N, C-alpha and C. Protein backbone atom coordinates (compact mmCIF):
# COMPACT_ATOMS: atom_id res chain seq x y z
N MET A 1 19.41 11.65 33.41
CA MET A 1 18.68 12.21 32.28
C MET A 1 17.74 11.14 31.72
N ALA A 2 16.52 11.52 31.47
CA ALA A 2 15.51 10.58 30.97
C ALA A 2 15.78 10.24 29.51
N SER A 3 15.44 9.04 29.13
CA SER A 3 15.57 8.64 27.73
C SER A 3 14.51 9.36 26.91
N ASP A 4 14.71 9.40 25.59
CA ASP A 4 13.71 10.01 24.72
C ASP A 4 12.36 9.32 24.88
N GLU A 5 12.38 7.99 24.98
CA GLU A 5 11.12 7.26 25.12
C GLU A 5 10.40 7.66 26.40
N GLU A 6 11.11 7.76 27.50
CA GLU A 6 10.48 8.15 28.77
C GLU A 6 9.99 9.60 28.70
N THR A 7 10.77 10.47 28.09
CA THR A 7 10.37 11.87 27.93
C THR A 7 9.08 11.96 27.13
N LEU A 8 8.98 11.21 26.04
CA LEU A 8 7.77 11.22 25.21
C LEU A 8 6.59 10.60 25.94
N ARG A 9 6.84 9.57 26.74
CA ARG A 9 5.77 8.95 27.53
C ARG A 9 5.18 9.98 28.50
N VAL A 10 6.04 10.66 29.23
CA VAL A 10 5.58 11.67 30.19
C VAL A 10 4.90 12.83 29.46
N LEU A 11 5.45 13.25 28.34
CA LEU A 11 4.88 14.34 27.57
C LEU A 11 3.45 14.01 27.13
N ASN A 12 3.22 12.80 26.67
CA ASN A 12 1.88 12.41 26.25
C ASN A 12 0.92 12.31 27.42
N LEU A 13 1.38 11.85 28.56
CA LEU A 13 0.53 11.85 29.75
C LEU A 13 0.16 13.28 30.15
N GLU A 14 1.11 14.19 30.03
CA GLU A 14 0.85 15.59 30.37
C GLU A 14 -0.09 16.24 29.35
N ILE A 15 0.04 15.87 28.09
CA ILE A 15 -0.90 16.38 27.08
C ILE A 15 -2.31 15.92 27.43
N ASN A 16 -2.46 14.66 27.83
CA ASN A 16 -3.77 14.15 28.22
C ASN A 16 -4.31 14.90 29.44
N ARG A 17 -3.46 15.11 30.43
CA ARG A 17 -3.88 15.85 31.63
C ARG A 17 -4.32 17.26 31.25
N SER A 18 -3.52 17.93 30.43
CA SER A 18 -3.85 19.31 30.08
C SER A 18 -5.10 19.40 29.22
N GLU A 19 -5.34 18.40 28.38
CA GLU A 19 -6.59 18.36 27.62
C GLU A 19 -7.78 18.20 28.57
N ASN A 20 -7.65 17.30 29.53
CA ASN A 20 -8.73 17.09 30.51
C ASN A 20 -9.04 18.36 31.28
N GLU A 21 -8.00 19.12 31.63
CA GLU A 21 -8.16 20.31 32.46
C GLU A 21 -8.40 21.58 31.64
N GLY A 22 -8.25 21.48 30.32
CA GLY A 22 -8.40 22.67 29.48
C GLY A 22 -7.25 23.63 29.64
N ASP A 23 -6.05 23.10 29.91
CA ASP A 23 -4.86 23.92 30.15
C ASP A 23 -4.19 24.30 28.83
N GLY A 24 -4.73 25.32 28.19
CA GLY A 24 -4.21 25.78 26.91
C GLY A 24 -2.79 26.30 26.99
N ASN A 25 -2.41 26.85 28.13
CA ASN A 25 -1.04 27.37 28.28
C ASN A 25 -0.02 26.24 28.18
N TYR A 26 -0.30 25.11 28.85
CA TYR A 26 0.62 23.97 28.74
C TYR A 26 0.65 23.46 27.31
N LEU A 27 -0.53 23.29 26.71
CA LEU A 27 -0.60 22.78 25.35
C LEU A 27 0.16 23.67 24.38
N ALA A 28 0.02 24.98 24.53
CA ALA A 28 0.73 25.91 23.65
C ALA A 28 2.24 25.72 23.74
N GLY A 29 2.71 25.37 24.92
CA GLY A 29 4.15 25.20 25.13
C GLY A 29 4.73 23.94 24.52
N VAL A 30 3.89 22.97 24.17
CA VAL A 30 4.41 21.71 23.60
C VAL A 30 4.15 21.61 22.10
N LEU A 31 3.51 22.61 21.52
CA LEU A 31 3.24 22.58 20.09
C LEU A 31 4.43 23.10 19.29
N ALA A 32 4.64 22.50 18.12
CA ALA A 32 5.61 23.03 17.16
C ALA A 32 5.05 24.36 16.64
N PRO A 33 5.86 25.14 15.92
CA PRO A 33 5.36 26.42 15.40
C PRO A 33 4.11 26.28 14.54
N GLU A 34 3.92 25.13 13.91
CA GLU A 34 2.71 24.84 13.15
C GLU A 34 2.19 23.49 13.62
N LEU A 35 0.88 23.31 13.59
CA LEU A 35 0.24 22.06 13.99
C LEU A 35 -0.87 21.73 13.02
N ALA A 36 -1.00 20.46 12.69
CA ALA A 36 -2.18 19.97 11.98
C ALA A 36 -2.81 18.93 12.89
N PHE A 37 -4.08 19.17 13.28
CA PHE A 37 -4.79 18.29 14.19
C PHE A 37 -6.08 17.82 13.53
N MET A 38 -6.14 16.52 13.22
CA MET A 38 -7.33 15.92 12.62
C MET A 38 -8.25 15.48 13.75
N ARG A 39 -9.43 16.06 13.80
CA ARG A 39 -10.41 15.70 14.82
C ARG A 39 -11.04 14.35 14.49
N ALA A 40 -11.65 13.75 15.50
CA ALA A 40 -12.20 12.39 15.37
C ALA A 40 -13.34 12.30 14.35
N ASP A 41 -13.92 13.43 13.95
CA ASP A 41 -14.98 13.38 12.95
C ASP A 41 -14.45 13.03 11.56
N GLY A 42 -13.11 13.05 11.41
CA GLY A 42 -12.50 12.70 10.14
C GLY A 42 -12.59 13.78 9.07
N LYS A 43 -13.14 14.94 9.42
CA LYS A 43 -13.32 16.02 8.46
C LYS A 43 -12.64 17.32 8.89
N THR A 44 -12.59 17.54 10.19
CA THR A 44 -12.09 18.81 10.71
C THR A 44 -10.59 18.73 10.98
N VAL A 45 -9.86 19.65 10.37
CA VAL A 45 -8.43 19.77 10.63
C VAL A 45 -8.20 21.16 11.22
N ASP A 46 -7.70 21.18 12.44
CA ASP A 46 -7.44 22.45 13.13
C ASP A 46 -5.96 22.77 13.08
N ASP A 47 -5.65 24.06 12.96
CA ASP A 47 -4.28 24.50 13.15
C ASP A 47 -4.09 24.76 14.65
N ALA A 48 -2.92 25.22 15.02
CA ALA A 48 -2.63 25.43 16.45
C ALA A 48 -3.61 26.40 17.09
N GLY A 49 -3.91 27.50 16.41
CA GLY A 49 -4.80 28.51 16.98
C GLY A 49 -6.19 27.95 17.26
N ARG A 50 -6.77 27.26 16.30
CA ARG A 50 -8.12 26.68 16.50
C ARG A 50 -8.07 25.58 17.55
N PHE A 51 -7.01 24.78 17.54
CA PHE A 51 -6.87 23.72 18.54
C PHE A 51 -6.86 24.33 19.95
N LEU A 52 -6.08 25.37 20.14
CA LEU A 52 -5.97 25.99 21.47
C LEU A 52 -7.26 26.72 21.86
N GLN A 53 -7.97 27.30 20.90
CA GLN A 53 -9.24 27.97 21.20
C GLN A 53 -10.27 26.99 21.75
N LYS A 54 -10.18 25.74 21.31
CA LYS A 54 -11.15 24.73 21.73
C LYS A 54 -10.73 24.01 23.02
N ALA A 55 -9.58 24.36 23.57
CA ALA A 55 -9.14 23.73 24.82
C ALA A 55 -10.04 24.19 25.96
N ALA A 56 -10.70 23.24 26.59
CA ALA A 56 -11.61 23.53 27.70
C ALA A 56 -11.66 22.31 28.60
N PRO A 57 -11.93 22.50 29.90
CA PRO A 57 -12.03 21.35 30.79
C PRO A 57 -13.09 20.36 30.30
N LYS A 58 -12.80 19.10 30.44
CA LYS A 58 -13.71 18.04 29.99
C LYS A 58 -14.58 17.58 31.17
N PRO A 59 -15.89 17.39 30.93
CA PRO A 59 -16.75 16.91 32.00
C PRO A 59 -16.44 15.45 32.37
N ALA A 60 -15.99 14.67 31.38
CA ALA A 60 -15.58 13.28 31.62
C ALA A 60 -14.10 13.18 31.27
N LEU A 61 -13.30 12.84 32.25
CA LEU A 61 -11.85 12.79 32.04
C LEU A 61 -11.47 11.64 31.12
N GLY A 62 -10.58 11.94 30.18
CA GLY A 62 -10.08 10.92 29.26
C GLY A 62 -8.90 10.18 29.87
N GLN A 63 -8.88 8.89 29.67
CA GLN A 63 -7.78 8.05 30.15
C GLN A 63 -6.91 7.67 28.96
N LEU A 64 -5.59 7.79 29.12
CA LEU A 64 -4.65 7.54 28.04
C LEU A 64 -3.94 6.21 28.24
N ALA A 65 -3.85 5.44 27.16
CA ALA A 65 -3.05 4.21 27.14
C ALA A 65 -2.11 4.31 25.94
N ILE A 66 -0.82 4.34 26.19
CA ILE A 66 0.16 4.43 25.12
C ILE A 66 0.38 3.03 24.55
N GLU A 67 0.23 2.92 23.23
CA GLU A 67 0.44 1.64 22.54
C GLU A 67 1.89 1.48 22.10
N SER A 68 2.47 2.54 21.52
CA SER A 68 3.84 2.44 21.03
C SER A 68 4.47 3.82 20.90
N ILE A 69 5.79 3.82 21.00
CA ILE A 69 6.59 5.03 20.77
C ILE A 69 7.72 4.61 19.85
N GLU A 70 7.78 5.23 18.68
CA GLU A 70 8.83 4.93 17.71
C GLU A 70 9.65 6.19 17.49
N ILE A 71 10.94 6.11 17.82
CA ILE A 71 11.83 7.26 17.68
C ILE A 71 12.66 7.07 16.42
N LEU A 72 12.64 8.08 15.58
CA LEU A 72 13.34 8.06 14.29
C LEU A 72 14.25 9.28 14.23
N GLY A 73 15.36 9.24 14.94
CA GLY A 73 16.25 10.40 14.99
C GLY A 73 15.60 11.54 15.76
N ASN A 74 15.35 12.64 15.05
CA ASN A 74 14.72 13.81 15.68
C ASN A 74 13.23 13.87 15.42
N ARG A 75 12.65 12.70 15.08
CA ARG A 75 11.22 12.57 14.88
C ARG A 75 10.74 11.39 15.72
N ALA A 76 9.49 11.45 16.11
CA ALA A 76 8.93 10.34 16.89
C ALA A 76 7.44 10.22 16.59
N ILE A 77 6.98 8.98 16.57
CA ILE A 77 5.56 8.70 16.39
C ILE A 77 5.06 7.99 17.64
N VAL A 78 4.03 8.56 18.24
CA VAL A 78 3.41 7.96 19.42
C VAL A 78 2.00 7.55 19.04
N GLN A 79 1.68 6.27 19.28
CA GLN A 79 0.32 5.79 19.07
C GLN A 79 -0.28 5.51 20.44
N CYS A 80 -1.49 6.02 20.65
CA CYS A 80 -2.14 5.83 21.94
C CYS A 80 -3.65 5.79 21.76
N VAL A 81 -4.33 5.34 22.80
CA VAL A 81 -5.79 5.29 22.81
C VAL A 81 -6.27 6.10 24.01
N VAL A 82 -7.21 7.00 23.73
CA VAL A 82 -7.85 7.78 24.78
C VAL A 82 -9.28 7.26 24.92
N THR A 83 -9.65 6.90 26.14
CA THR A 83 -11.01 6.47 26.45
C THR A 83 -11.68 7.60 27.21
N GLN A 84 -12.83 8.05 26.67
CA GLN A 84 -13.51 9.18 27.29
C GLN A 84 -15.01 9.04 27.06
N ALA A 85 -15.76 9.15 28.13
CA ALA A 85 -17.23 9.11 28.07
C ALA A 85 -17.74 7.88 27.30
N GLY A 86 -17.11 6.74 27.55
CA GLY A 86 -17.55 5.49 26.95
C GLY A 86 -17.11 5.29 25.51
N LYS A 87 -16.35 6.22 24.97
CA LYS A 87 -15.84 6.09 23.61
C LYS A 87 -14.33 5.95 23.65
N ARG A 88 -13.80 5.30 22.60
CA ARG A 88 -12.35 5.12 22.49
C ARG A 88 -11.86 5.79 21.21
N PHE A 89 -10.73 6.47 21.32
CA PHE A 89 -10.16 7.21 20.20
C PHE A 89 -8.70 6.81 20.01
N HIS A 90 -8.37 6.39 18.79
CA HIS A 90 -6.98 6.07 18.47
C HIS A 90 -6.30 7.35 18.01
N ASN A 91 -5.13 7.63 18.57
CA ASN A 91 -4.38 8.84 18.26
C ASN A 91 -3.03 8.45 17.69
N ILE A 92 -2.64 9.14 16.63
CA ILE A 92 -1.27 9.07 16.13
C ILE A 92 -0.72 10.48 16.26
N ARG A 93 0.39 10.60 16.98
CA ARG A 93 0.98 11.91 17.24
C ARG A 93 2.40 11.93 16.70
N LEU A 94 2.71 12.96 15.92
CA LEU A 94 4.04 13.14 15.34
C LEU A 94 4.75 14.26 16.09
N PHE A 95 5.89 13.90 16.66
CA PHE A 95 6.71 14.86 17.37
C PHE A 95 8.00 15.10 16.61
N VAL A 96 8.54 16.31 16.74
CA VAL A 96 9.86 16.65 16.20
C VAL A 96 10.66 17.29 17.32
N ARG A 97 11.98 17.07 17.26
CA ARG A 97 12.85 17.69 18.26
C ARG A 97 13.30 19.04 17.72
N LEU A 98 12.93 20.11 18.41
CA LEU A 98 13.30 21.47 18.04
C LEU A 98 14.03 22.10 19.21
N ASP A 99 15.22 22.60 18.97
CA ASP A 99 16.02 23.23 20.03
C ASP A 99 16.13 22.33 21.25
N GLY A 100 16.27 21.03 21.01
CA GLY A 100 16.48 20.08 22.09
C GLY A 100 15.22 19.60 22.80
N ASN A 101 14.05 20.08 22.39
CA ASN A 101 12.79 19.69 23.04
C ASN A 101 11.85 19.04 22.04
N TRP A 102 11.09 18.04 22.51
CA TRP A 102 10.08 17.41 21.67
C TRP A 102 8.87 18.32 21.56
N LYS A 103 8.43 18.56 20.30
CA LYS A 103 7.27 19.41 20.04
C LYS A 103 6.28 18.65 19.16
N LEU A 104 5.01 18.85 19.41
CA LEU A 104 3.94 18.18 18.68
C LEU A 104 3.69 18.90 17.35
N LEU A 105 3.91 18.19 16.25
CA LEU A 105 3.78 18.74 14.90
C LEU A 105 2.49 18.31 14.21
N GLY A 106 2.10 17.05 14.42
CA GLY A 106 0.90 16.52 13.78
C GLY A 106 0.18 15.56 14.69
N TRP A 107 -1.15 15.52 14.56
CA TRP A 107 -1.96 14.69 15.45
C TRP A 107 -3.20 14.28 14.69
N ALA A 108 -3.40 12.98 14.52
CA ALA A 108 -4.59 12.47 13.86
C ALA A 108 -5.36 11.62 14.86
N ASN A 109 -6.63 11.89 14.99
CA ASN A 109 -7.48 11.28 15.99
C ASN A 109 -8.63 10.58 15.26
N GLU A 110 -8.94 9.38 15.66
CA GLU A 110 -10.03 8.64 15.01
C GLU A 110 -10.77 7.79 16.05
N GLU A 111 -12.09 7.86 16.02
CA GLU A 111 -12.86 7.05 16.95
C GLU A 111 -12.76 5.58 16.57
N ILE A 112 -12.62 4.74 17.58
CA ILE A 112 -12.58 3.28 17.37
C ILE A 112 -14.01 2.79 17.46
N PRO A 113 -14.52 2.21 16.37
CA PRO A 113 -15.91 1.74 16.42
C PRO A 113 -16.11 0.65 17.46
N THR A 114 -17.25 0.66 18.11
CA THR A 114 -17.57 -0.40 19.05
C THR A 114 -18.15 -1.57 18.26
N SER A 115 -17.85 -2.76 18.75
CA SER A 115 -18.35 -3.94 18.01
C SER A 115 -19.53 -4.56 18.70
């Protein structure tokens, strides 16, 4: 049986893959009953429905680098960086364990300024 940390690592890699491919069905399966997703513009917050409506294949595939995974009982915070089309985005993802499975409850995305 995989550890929670390994499960969350694989889950985040799969979220990245499904975002690249526009696989809304996979994404829908990993979301908690409610989702708050802060887009990189810092102004737009999507719920699960709007997030899934915008799922579409990406012309430039994003690469994911996980920075940290912090498990707090039945909650977990994953920090990662997605590099896509020459831009880098810092992501903070909040997961909760529901019925034995990790589900994505909150996600804040912010572009990392280039220096």
